[in-house]
């Protein structure tokens, strides 16, 4: 009388690095959304404020806006590209 071993299937565990990448991506995305909303609100307030020159508002905020958007999008795309690259290396 031999008993057959009970085979338990394990749920796939998300690796620590994948979890960290997910959280960093979510935090960067949330930061980008909040920053863009704050800049758009300041653009809108600057347009209707009588004491503020519209040209000066755009001169101050435009470079920061472009830098922030470009940096965050570059960071997010870099994370995603490196994540796909590591998965393809593991298959070899």
PDB file of N, CA and C in Angstrom:
ATOM      1  N   UNK A   1       0.808  -1.167   0.000  1.00  0.00           N
ATOM      2  CA  UNK A   1       0.000   0.000   0.000  1.00  0.00           C
ATOM      3  C   UNK A   1       0.867   1.252   0.000  1.00  0.00           C
ATOM      4  N   UNK A   2       1.034   1.785  -1.136  1.00  0.00           N
ATOM      5  CA  UNK A   2       1.777   3.046  -1.213  1.00  0.00           C
ATOM      6  C   UNK A   2       0.803   4.169  -1.501  1.00  0.00           C
ATOM      7  N   UNK A   3       1.055   5.221  -0.848  1.00  0.00           N
ATOM      8  CA  UNK A   3       0.193   6.386  -1.071  1.00  0.00           C
ATOM      9  C   UNK A   3       0.831   7.279  -2.110  1.00  0.00           C
ATOM     10  N   UNK A   4      -0.015   7.830  -2.917  1.00  0.00           N
ATOM     11  CA  UNK A   4       0.468   8.787  -3.911  1.00  0.00           C
ATOM     12  C   UNK A   4       0.652  10.131  -3.224  1.00  0.00           C
ATOM     13  N   UNK A   5       1.749  10.794  -3.533  1.00  0.00           N
ATOM     14  CA  UNK A   5       1.947  12.120  -2.914  1.00  0.00           C
ATOM     15  C   UNK A   5       0.923  13.120  -3.447  1.00  0.00           C
ATOM     16  N   UNK A   6       0.526  13.980  -2.580  1.00  0.00           N
ATOM     17  CA  UNK A   6      -0.426  15.021  -2.964  1.00  0.00           C
ATOM     18  C   UNK A   6       0.349  16.121  -3.687  1.00  0.00           C
ATOM     19  N   UNK A   7      -0.062  16.388  -4.889  1.00  0.00           N
ATOM     20  CA  UNK A   7       0.591  17.412  -5.684  1.00  0.00           C
ATOM     21  C   UNK A   7      -0.185  18.712  -5.524  1.00  0.00           C
ATOM     22  N   UNK A   8       0.492  19.680  -4.987  1.00  0.00           N
ATOM     23  CA  UNK A   8      -0.140  20.988  -4.819  1.00  0.00           C
ATOM     24  C   UNK A   8       0.492  21.947  -5.813  1.00  0.00           C
ATOM     25  N   UNK A   9      -0.341  22.579  -6.548  1.00  0.00           N
ATOM     26  CA  UNK A   9       0.185  23.554  -7.500  1.00  0.00           C
ATOM     27  C   UNK A   9       0.380  24.873  -6.770  1.00  0.00           C
ATOM     28  N   UNK A  10       1.502  25.468  -7.032  1.00  0.00           N
ATOM     29  CA  UNK A  10       1.804  26.755  -6.410  1.00  0.00           C
ATOM     30  C   UNK A  10       1.315  27.875  -7.313  1.00  0.00           C
ATOM     31  N   UNK A  11       0.777  28.877  -6.681  1.00  0.00           N
ATOM     32  CA  UNK A  11       0.386  30.054  -7.445  1.00  0.00           C
ATOM     33  C   UNK A  11       1.661  30.772  -7.886  1.00  0.00           C
ATOM     34  N   UNK A  12       1.651  31.299  -9.081  1.00  0.00           N
ATOM     35  CA  UNK A  12       2.861  32.015  -9.517  1.00  0.00           C
ATOM     36  C   UNK A  12       3.095  33.248  -8.643  1.00  0.00           C
ATOM     37  N   UNK A  13       4.266  33.334  -8.092  1.00  0.00           N
ATOM     38  CA  UNK A  13       4.627  34.454  -7.231  1.00  0.00           C
ATOM     39  C   UNK A  13       5.275  35.550  -8.068  1.00  0.00           C
ATOM     40  N   UNK A  14       4.867  36.755  -7.818  1.00  0.00           N
ATOM     41  CA  UNK A  14       5.482  37.889  -8.499  1.00  0.00           C
ATOM     42  C   UNK A  14       6.822  38.152  -7.820  1.00  0.00           C
ATOM     43  N   UNK A  15       7.847  38.261  -8.628  1.00  0.00           N
ATOM     44  CA  UNK A  15       9.169  38.487  -8.063  1.00  0.00           C
ATOM     45  C   UNK A  15       9.250  39.876  -7.435  1.00  0.00           C
ATOM     46  N   UNK A  16      10.186  40.019  -6.526  1.00  0.00           N
ATOM     47  CA  UNK A  16      10.353  41.282  -5.807  1.00  0.00           C
ATOM     48  C   UNK A  16      10.699  42.407  -6.777  1.00  0.00           C
ATOM     49  N   UNK A  17      11.553  42.118  -7.756  1.00  0.00           N
ATOM     50  CA  UNK A  17      11.954  43.153  -8.701  1.00  0.00           C
ATOM     51  C   UNK A  17      10.770  43.613  -9.549  1.00  0.00           C
ATOM     52  N   UNK A  18       9.916  42.674  -9.959  1.00  0.00           N
ATOM     53  CA  UNK A  18       8.731  43.045 -10.736  1.00  0.00           C
ATOM     54  C   UNK A  18       7.769  43.876  -9.905  1.00  0.00           C
ATOM     55  N   UNK A  19       7.621  43.519  -8.621  1.00  0.00           N
ATOM     56  CA  UNK A  19       6.750  44.279  -7.722  1.00  0.00           C
ATOM     57  C   UNK A  19       7.279  45.702  -7.530  1.00  0.00           C
ATOM     58  N   UNK A  20       8.587  45.795  -7.330  1.00  0.00           N
ATOM     59  CA  UNK A  20       9.198  47.101  -7.142  1.00  0.00           C
ATOM     60  C   UNK A  20       9.052  47.954  -8.399  1.00  0.00           C
ATOM     61  N   UNK A  21       9.264  47.336  -9.556  1.00  0.00           N
ATOM     62  CA  UNK A  21       9.103  48.057 -10.816  1.00  0.00           C
ATOM     63  C   UNK A  21       7.670  48.545 -10.984  1.00  0.00           C
ATOM     64  N   UNK A  22       6.711  47.722 -10.625  1.00  0.00           N
ATOM     65  CA  UNK A  22       5.306  48.123 -10.721  1.00  0.00           C
ATOM     66  C   UNK A  22       5.026  49.318  -9.821  1.00  0.00           C
ATOM     67  N   UNK A  23       5.480  49.275  -8.561  1.00  0.00           N
ATOM     68  CA  UNK A  23       5.210  50.369  -7.633  1.00  0.00           C
ATOM     69  C   UNK A  23       5.911  51.658  -8.047  1.00  0.00           C
ATOM     70  N   UNK A  24       7.151  51.535  -8.524  1.00  0.00           N
ATOM     71  CA  UNK A  24       7.864  52.729  -8.977  1.00  0.00           C
ATOM     72  C   UNK A  24       7.155  53.335 -10.182  1.00  0.00           C
ATOM     73  N   UNK A  25       6.711  52.483 -11.103  1.00  0.00           N
ATOM     74  CA  UNK A  25       5.984  52.968 -12.275  1.00  0.00           C
ATOM     75  C   UNK A  25       4.687  53.662 -11.868  1.00  0.00           C
ATOM     76  N   UNK A  26       3.970  53.091 -10.924  1.00  0.00           N
ATOM     77  CA  UNK A  26       2.725  53.707 -10.456  1.00  0.00           C
ATOM     78  C   UNK A  26       2.986  55.047  -9.762  1.00  0.00           C
ATOM     79  N   UNK A  27       4.044  55.113  -8.957  1.00  0.00           N
ATOM     80  CA  UNK A  27       4.356  56.371  -8.274  1.00  0.00           C
ATOM     81  C   UNK A  27       4.791  57.460  -9.255  1.00  0.00           C
ATOM     82  N   UNK A  28       5.598  57.078 -10.242  1.00  0.00           N
ATOM     83  CA  UNK A  28       6.034  58.053 -11.243  1.00  0.00           C
ATOM     84  C   UNK A  28       4.838  58.540 -12.052  1.00  0.00           C
ATOM     85  N   UNK A  29       3.933  57.623 -12.403  1.00  0.00           N
ATOM     86  CA  UNK A  29       2.743  58.009 -13.161  1.00  0.00           C
ATOM     87  C   UNK A  29       1.850  58.943 -12.353  1.00  0.00           C
ATOM     88  N   UNK A  30       1.671  58.639 -11.080  1.00  0.00           N
ATOM     89  CA  UNK A  30       0.848  59.503 -10.228  1.00  0.00           C
ATOM     90  C   UNK A  30       1.492  60.881 -10.063  1.00  0.00           C
ATOM     91  N   UNK A  31       2.808  60.912  -9.879  1.00  0.00           N
ATOM     92  CA  UNK A  31       3.521  62.181  -9.759  1.00  0.00           C
ATOM     93  C   UNK A  31       3.394  62.998 -11.037  1.00  0.00           C
ATOM     94  N   UNK A  32       3.506  62.338 -12.175  1.00  0.00           N
ATOM     95  CA  UNK A  32       3.362  63.025 -13.456  1.00  0.00           C
ATOM     96  C   UNK A  32       1.964  63.621 -13.594  1.00  0.00           C
ATOM     97  N   UNK A  33       0.954  62.860 -13.242  1.00  0.00           N
ATOM     98  CA  UNK A  33      -0.429  63.359 -13.341  1.00  0.00           C
ATOM     99  C   UNK A  33      -0.654  64.565 -12.431  1.00  0.00           C
ATOM    100  N   UNK A  34      -0.179  64.475 -11.199  1.00  0.00           N
ATOM    101  CA  UNK A  34      -0.364  65.583 -10.259  1.00  0.00           C
ATOM    102  C   UNK A  34       0.385  66.827 -10.741  1.00  0.00           C
ATOM    103  N   UNK A  35       1.609  66.639 -11.215  1.00  0.00           N
ATOM    104  CA  UNK A  35       2.405  67.777 -11.678  1.00  0.00           C
ATOM    105  C   UNK A  35       1.785  68.436 -12.899  1.00  0.00           C
ATOM    106  N   UNK A  36       1.308  67.631 -13.830  1.00  0.00           N
ATOM    107  CA  UNK A  36       0.688  68.183 -15.037  1.00  0.00           C
ATOM    108  C   UNK A  36      -0.594  68.931 -14.675  1.00  0.00           C
ATOM    109  N   UNK A  37      -1.395  68.368 -13.780  1.00  0.00           N
ATOM    110  CA  UNK A  37      -2.617  69.059 -13.355  1.00  0.00           C
ATOM    111  C   UNK A  37      -2.296  70.387 -12.662  1.00  0.00           C
ATOM    112  N   UNK A  38      -1.264  70.400 -11.821  1.00  0.00           N
ATOM    113  CA  UNK A  38      -0.883  71.640 -11.141  1.00  0.00           C
ATOM    114  C   UNK A  38      -0.418  72.691 -12.139  1.00  0.00           C
ATOM    115  N   UNK A  39       0.339  72.265 -13.143  1.00  0.00           N
ATOM    116  CA  UNK A  39       0.820  73.229 -14.140  1.00  0.00           C
ATOM    117  C   UNK A  39      -0.324  73.747 -15.016  1.00  0.00           C
ATOM    118  N   UNK A  40      -1.243  72.877 -15.361  1.00  0.00           N
ATOM    119  CA  UNK A  40      -2.383  73.317 -16.172  1.00  0.00           C
ATOM    120  C   UNK A  40      -3.240  74.298 -15.378  1.00  0.00           C
ATOM    121  N   UNK A  41      -3.431  74.029 -14.095  1.00  0.00           N
ATOM    122  CA  UNK A  41      -4.201  74.958 -13.254  1.00  0.00           C
ATOM    123  C   UNK A  41      -3.493  76.303 -13.179  1.00  0.00           C
ATOM    124  N   UNK A  42      -2.168  76.288 -13.027  1.00  0.00           N
ATOM    125  CA  UNK A  42      -1.450  77.566 -12.971  1.00  0.00           C
ATOM    126  C   UNK A  42      -1.502  78.293 -14.313  1.00  0.00           C
ATOM    127  N   UNK A  43      -1.462  77.555 -15.418  1.00  0.00           N
ATOM    128  CA  UNK A  43      -1.663  78.178 -16.735  1.00  0.00           C
ATOM    129  C   UNK A  43      -3.023  78.861 -16.806  1.00  0.00           C
ATOM    130  N   UNK A  44      -4.039  78.155 -16.377  1.00  0.00           N
ATOM    131  CA  UNK A  44      -5.400  78.690 -16.461  1.00  0.00           C
ATOM    132  C   UNK A  44      -5.585  79.903 -15.547  1.00  0.00           C
ATOM    133  N   UNK A  45      -5.036  79.834 -14.336  1.00  0.00           N
ATOM    134  CA  UNK A  45      -5.143  80.988 -13.432  1.00  0.00           C
ATOM    135  C   UNK A  45      -4.359  82.179 -13.968  1.00  0.00           C
ATOM    136  N   UNK A  46      -3.232  81.905 -14.579  1.00  0.00           N
ATOM    137  CA  UNK A  46      -2.427  82.978 -15.145  1.00  0.00           C
ATOM    138  C   UNK A  46      -3.085  83.647 -16.330  1.00  0.00           C
ATOM    139  N   UNK A  47      -3.891  82.918 -17.060  1.00  0.00           N
ATOM    140  CA  UNK A  47      -4.578  83.502 -18.219  1.00  0.00           C
ATOM    141  C   UNK A  47      -5.608  84.550 -17.807  1.00  0.00           C
ATOM    142  N   UNK A  48      -6.307  84.296 -16.686  1.00  0.00           N
ATOM    143  CA  UNK A  48      -7.372  85.210 -16.302  1.00  0.00           C
ATOM    144  C   UNK A  48      -6.981  86.220 -15.233  1.00  0.00           C
ATOM    145  N   UNK A  49      -5.797  86.110 -14.684  1.00  0.00           N
ATOM    146  CA  UNK A  49      -5.371  87.070 -13.664  1.00  0.00           C
ATOM    147  C   UNK A  49      -5.003  88.397 -14.340  1.00  0.00           C
ATOM    148  N   UNK A  50      -5.573  89.482 -13.866  1.00  0.00           N
ATOM    149  CA  UNK A  50      -5.349  90.800 -14.471  1.00  0.00           C
ATOM    150  C   UNK A  50      -3.943  91.325 -14.184  1.00  0.00           C
ATOM    151  N   UNK A  51      -3.424  91.030 -12.997  1.00  0.00           N
ATOM    152  CA  UNK A  51      -2.134  91.590 -12.610  1.00  0.00           C
ATOM    153  C   UNK A  51      -0.933  90.805 -13.140  1.00  0.00           C
ATOM    154  N   UNK A  52      -1.170  89.705 -13.812  1.00  0.00           N
ATOM    155  CA  UNK A  52      -0.083  88.866 -14.318  1.00  0.00           C
ATOM    156  C   UNK A  52      -0.043  88.959 -15.838  1.00  0.00           C
ATOM    157  N   UNK A  53       1.167  89.147 -16.368  1.00  0.00           N
ATOM    158  CA  UNK A  53       1.346  89.176 -17.811  1.00  0.00           C
ATOM    159  C   UNK A  53       1.393  87.733 -18.326  1.00  0.00           C
ATOM    160  N   UNK A  54       0.540  87.417 -19.283  1.00  0.00           N
ATOM    161  CA  UNK A  54       0.450  86.046 -19.794  1.00  0.00           C
ATOM    162  C   UNK A  54       1.767  85.562 -20.386  1.00  0.00           C
ATOM    163  N   UNK A  55       2.461  86.431 -21.055  1.00  0.00           N
ATOM    164  CA  UNK A  55       3.738  86.045 -21.650  1.00  0.00           C
ATOM    165  C   UNK A  55       4.754  85.601 -20.614  1.00  0.00           C
ATOM    166  N   UNK A  56       4.749  86.278 -19.462  1.00  0.00           N
ATOM    167  CA  UNK A  56       5.700  85.928 -18.396  1.00  0.00           C
ATOM    168  C   UNK A  56       5.369  84.573 -17.771  1.00  0.00           C
ATOM    169  N   UNK A  57       4.087  84.287 -17.620  1.00  0.00           N
ATOM    170  CA  UNK A  57       3.679  82.981 -17.070  1.00  0.00           C
ATOM    171  C   UNK A  57       4.171  81.865 -17.976  1.00  0.00           C
ATOM    172  N   UNK A  58       3.941  82.011 -19.277  1.00  0.00           N
ATOM    173  CA  UNK A  58       4.349  80.963 -20.205  1.00  0.00           C
ATOM    174  C   UNK A  58       5.866  80.840 -20.290  1.00  0.00           C
ATOM    175  N   UNK A  59       6.589  81.962 -20.169  1.00  0.00           N
ATOM    176  CA  UNK A  59       8.054  81.905 -20.180  1.00  0.00           C
ATOM    177  C   UNK A  59       8.586  81.144 -18.969  1.00  0.00           C
ATOM    178  N   UNK A  60       7.931  81.303 -17.824  1.00  0.00           N
ATOM    179  CA  UNK A  60       8.392  80.636 -16.609  1.00  0.00           C
ATOM    180  C   UNK A  60       8.035  79.152 -16.587  1.00  0.00           C
ATOM    181  N   UNK A  61       6.853  78.819 -16.983  1.00  0.00           N
ATOM    182  CA  UNK A  61       6.366  77.451 -16.789  1.00  0.00           C
ATOM    183  C   UNK A  61       6.666  76.536 -17.972  1.00  0.00           C
ATOM    184  N   UNK A  62       6.758  77.053 -19.165  1.00  0.00           N
ATOM    185  CA  UNK A  62       6.946  76.204 -20.343  1.00  0.00           C
ATOM    186  C   UNK A  62       8.194  75.322 -20.286  1.00  0.00           C
ATOM    187  N   UNK A  63       9.381  75.841 -19.939  1.00  0.00           N
ATOM    188  CA  UNK A  63      10.548  74.944 -19.869  1.00  0.00           C
ATOM    189  C   UNK A  63      10.400  73.860 -18.798  1.00  0.00           C
ATOM    190  N   UNK A  64       9.836  74.225 -17.663  1.00  0.00           N
ATOM    191  CA  UNK A  64       9.638  73.226 -16.603  1.00  0.00           C
ATOM    192  C   UNK A  64       8.644  72.160 -17.040  1.00  0.00           C
ATOM    193  N   UNK A  65       7.605  72.602 -17.718  1.00  0.00           N
ATOM    194  CA  UNK A  65       6.581  71.678 -18.211  1.00  0.00           C
ATOM    195  C   UNK A  65       7.192  70.690 -19.192  1.00  0.00           C
ATOM    196  N   UNK A  66       7.965  71.184 -20.148  1.00  0.00           N
ATOM    197  CA  UNK A  66       8.589  70.314 -21.153  1.00  0.00           C
ATOM    198  C   UNK A  66       9.597  69.362 -20.524  1.00  0.00           C
ATOM    199  N   UNK A  67      10.390  69.875 -19.598  1.00  0.00           N
ATOM    200  CA  UNK A  67      11.391  69.035 -18.932  1.00  0.00           C
ATOM    201  C   UNK A  67      10.741  67.941 -18.112  1.00  0.00           C
ATOM    202  N   UNK A  68       9.712  68.300 -17.373  1.00  0.00           N
ATOM    203  CA  UNK A  68       9.021  67.327 -16.532  1.00  0.00           C
ATOM    204  C   UNK A  68       8.369  66.238 -17.367  1.00  0.00           C
ATOM    205  N   UNK A  69       7.645  66.630 -18.392  1.00  0.00           N
ATOM    206  CA  UNK A  69       6.969  65.647 -19.245  1.00  0.00           C
ATOM    207  C   UNK A  69       7.999  64.743 -19.925  1.00  0.00           C
ATOM    208  N   UNK A  70       9.025  65.330 -20.509  1.00  0.00           N
ATOM    209  CA  UNK A  70      10.040  64.536 -21.201  1.00  0.00           C
ATOM    210  C   UNK A  70      10.787  63.588 -20.282  1.00  0.00           C
ATOM    211  N   UNK A  71      11.144  64.082 -19.109  1.00  0.00           N
ATOM    212  CA  UNK A  71      11.866  63.241 -18.161  1.00  0.00           C
ATOM    213  C   UNK A  71      11.042  62.077 -17.654  1.00  0.00           C
ATOM    214  N   UNK A  72       9.810  62.342 -17.302  1.00  0.00           N
ATOM    215  CA  UNK A  72       8.953  61.273 -16.779  1.00  0.00           C
ATOM    216  C   UNK A  72       8.628  60.234 -17.852  1.00  0.00           C
ATOM    217  N   UNK A  73       8.331  60.685 -19.043  1.00  0.00           N
ATOM    218  CA  UNK A  73       8.020  59.740 -20.119  1.00  0.00           C
ATOM    219  C   UNK A  73       9.258  58.922 -20.470  1.00  0.00           C
ATOM    220  N   UNK A  74      10.421  59.555 -20.492  1.00  0.00           N
ATOM    221  CA  UNK A  74      11.655  58.814 -20.732  1.00  0.00           C
ATOM    222  C   UNK A  74      11.927  57.787 -19.654  1.00  0.00           C
ATOM    223  N   UNK A  75      11.677  58.161 -18.412  1.00  0.00           N
ATOM    224  CA  UNK A  75      11.878  57.242 -17.287  1.00  0.00           C
ATOM    225  C   UNK A  75      10.945  56.039 -17.384  1.00  0.00           C
ATOM    226  N   UNK A  76       9.666  56.310 -17.643  1.00  0.00           N
ATOM    227  CA  UNK A  76       8.695  55.218 -17.752  1.00  0.00           C
ATOM    228  C   UNK A  76       9.007  54.295 -18.919  1.00  0.00           C
ATOM    229  N   UNK A  77       9.360  54.860 -20.059  1.00  0.00           N
ATOM    230  CA  UNK A  77       9.668  54.009 -21.212  1.00  0.00           C
ATOM    231  C   UNK A  77      10.955  53.223 -20.972  1.00  0.00           C
ATOM    232  N   UNK A  78      11.915  53.803 -20.271  1.00  0.00           N
ATOM    233  CA  UNK A  78      13.136  53.077 -19.933  1.00  0.00           C
ATOM    234  C   UNK A  78      12.871  51.891 -19.029  1.00  0.00           C
ATOM    235  N   UNK A  79      11.988  52.079 -18.052  1.00  0.00           N
ATOM    236  CA  UNK A  79      11.634  50.974 -17.159  1.00  0.00           C
ATOM    237  C   UNK A  79      10.972  49.848 -17.943  1.00  0.00           C
ATOM    238  N   UNK A  80      10.024  50.193 -18.778  1.00  0.00           N
ATOM    239  CA  UNK A  80       9.302  49.169 -19.516  1.00  0.00           C
ATOM    240  C   UNK A  80      10.198  48.458 -20.529  1.00  0.00           C
ATOM    241  N   UNK A  81      11.082  49.197 -21.192  1.00  0.00           N
ATOM    242  CA  UNK A  81      11.981  48.562 -22.156  1.00  0.00           C
ATOM    243  C   UNK A  81      12.975  47.639 -21.462  1.00  0.00           C
ATOM    244  N   UNK A  82      13.508  48.053 -20.325  1.00  0.00           N
ATOM    245  CA  UNK A  82      14.457  47.193 -19.620  1.00  0.00           C
ATOM    246  C   UNK A  82      13.759  45.974 -19.036  1.00  0.00           C
ATOM    247  N   UNK A  83      12.501  46.119 -18.647  1.00  0.00           N
ATOM    248  CA  UNK A  83      11.752  44.985 -18.110  1.00  0.00           C
ATOM    249  C   UNK A  83      11.538  43.934 -19.203  1.00  0.00           C
ATOM    250  N   UNK A  84      11.193  44.361 -20.408  1.00  0.00           N
ATOM    251  CA  UNK A  84      11.009  43.416 -21.516  1.00  0.00           C
ATOM    252  C   UNK A  84      12.327  42.795 -21.925  1.00  0.00           C
ATOM    253  N   UNK A  85      13.418  43.546 -21.831  1.00  0.00           N
ATOM    254  CA  UNK A  85      14.734  43.039 -22.193  1.00  0.00           C
ATOM    255  C   UNK A  85      15.170  41.929 -21.254  1.00  0.00           C
ATOM    256  N   UNK A  86      14.912  42.098 -19.959  1.00  0.00           N
ATOM    257  CA  UNK A  86      15.298  41.084 -18.981  1.00  0.00           C
ATOM    258  C   UNK A  86      14.485  39.802 -19.163  1.00  0.00           C
ATOM    259  N   UNK A  87      13.217  39.915 -19.529  1.00  0.00           N
ATOM    260  CA  UNK A  87      12.396  38.735 -19.752  1.00  0.00           C
ATOM    261  C   UNK A  87      12.896  37.938 -20.956  1.00  0.00           C
ATOM    262  N   UNK A  88      13.326  38.618 -21.993  1.00  0.00           N
ATOM    263  CA  UNK A  88      13.818  37.894 -23.178  1.00  0.00           C
ATOM    264  C   UNK A  88      15.158  37.238 -22.886  1.00  0.00           C
ATOM    265  N   UNK A  89      15.992  37.795 -22.030  1.00  0.00           N
ATOM    266  CA  UNK A  89      17.265  37.183 -21.662  1.00  0.00           C
ATOM    267  C   UNK A  89      17.046  35.901 -20.860  1.00  0.00           C
ATOM    268  N   UNK A  90      16.014  35.878 -20.035  1.00  0.00           N
ATOM    269  CA  UNK A  90      15.747  34.712 -19.212  1.00  0.00           C
ATOM    270  C   UNK A  90      15.289  33.520 -20.048  1.00  0.00           C
ATOM    271  N   UNK A  91      14.665  33.757 -21.172  1.00  0.00           N
ATOM    272  CA  UNK A  91      14.167  32.676 -22.021  1.00  0.00           C
ATOM    273  C   UNK A  91      15.277  31.968 -22.752  1.00  0.00           C
ATOM    274  N   UNK A  92      16.409  32.636 -22.968  1.00  0.00           N
ATOM    275  CA  UNK A  92      17.504  32.017 -23.722  1.00  0.00           C
ATOM    276  C   UNK A  92      18.196  30.922 -22.968  1.00  0.00           C
TER     277      UNK A  92
END
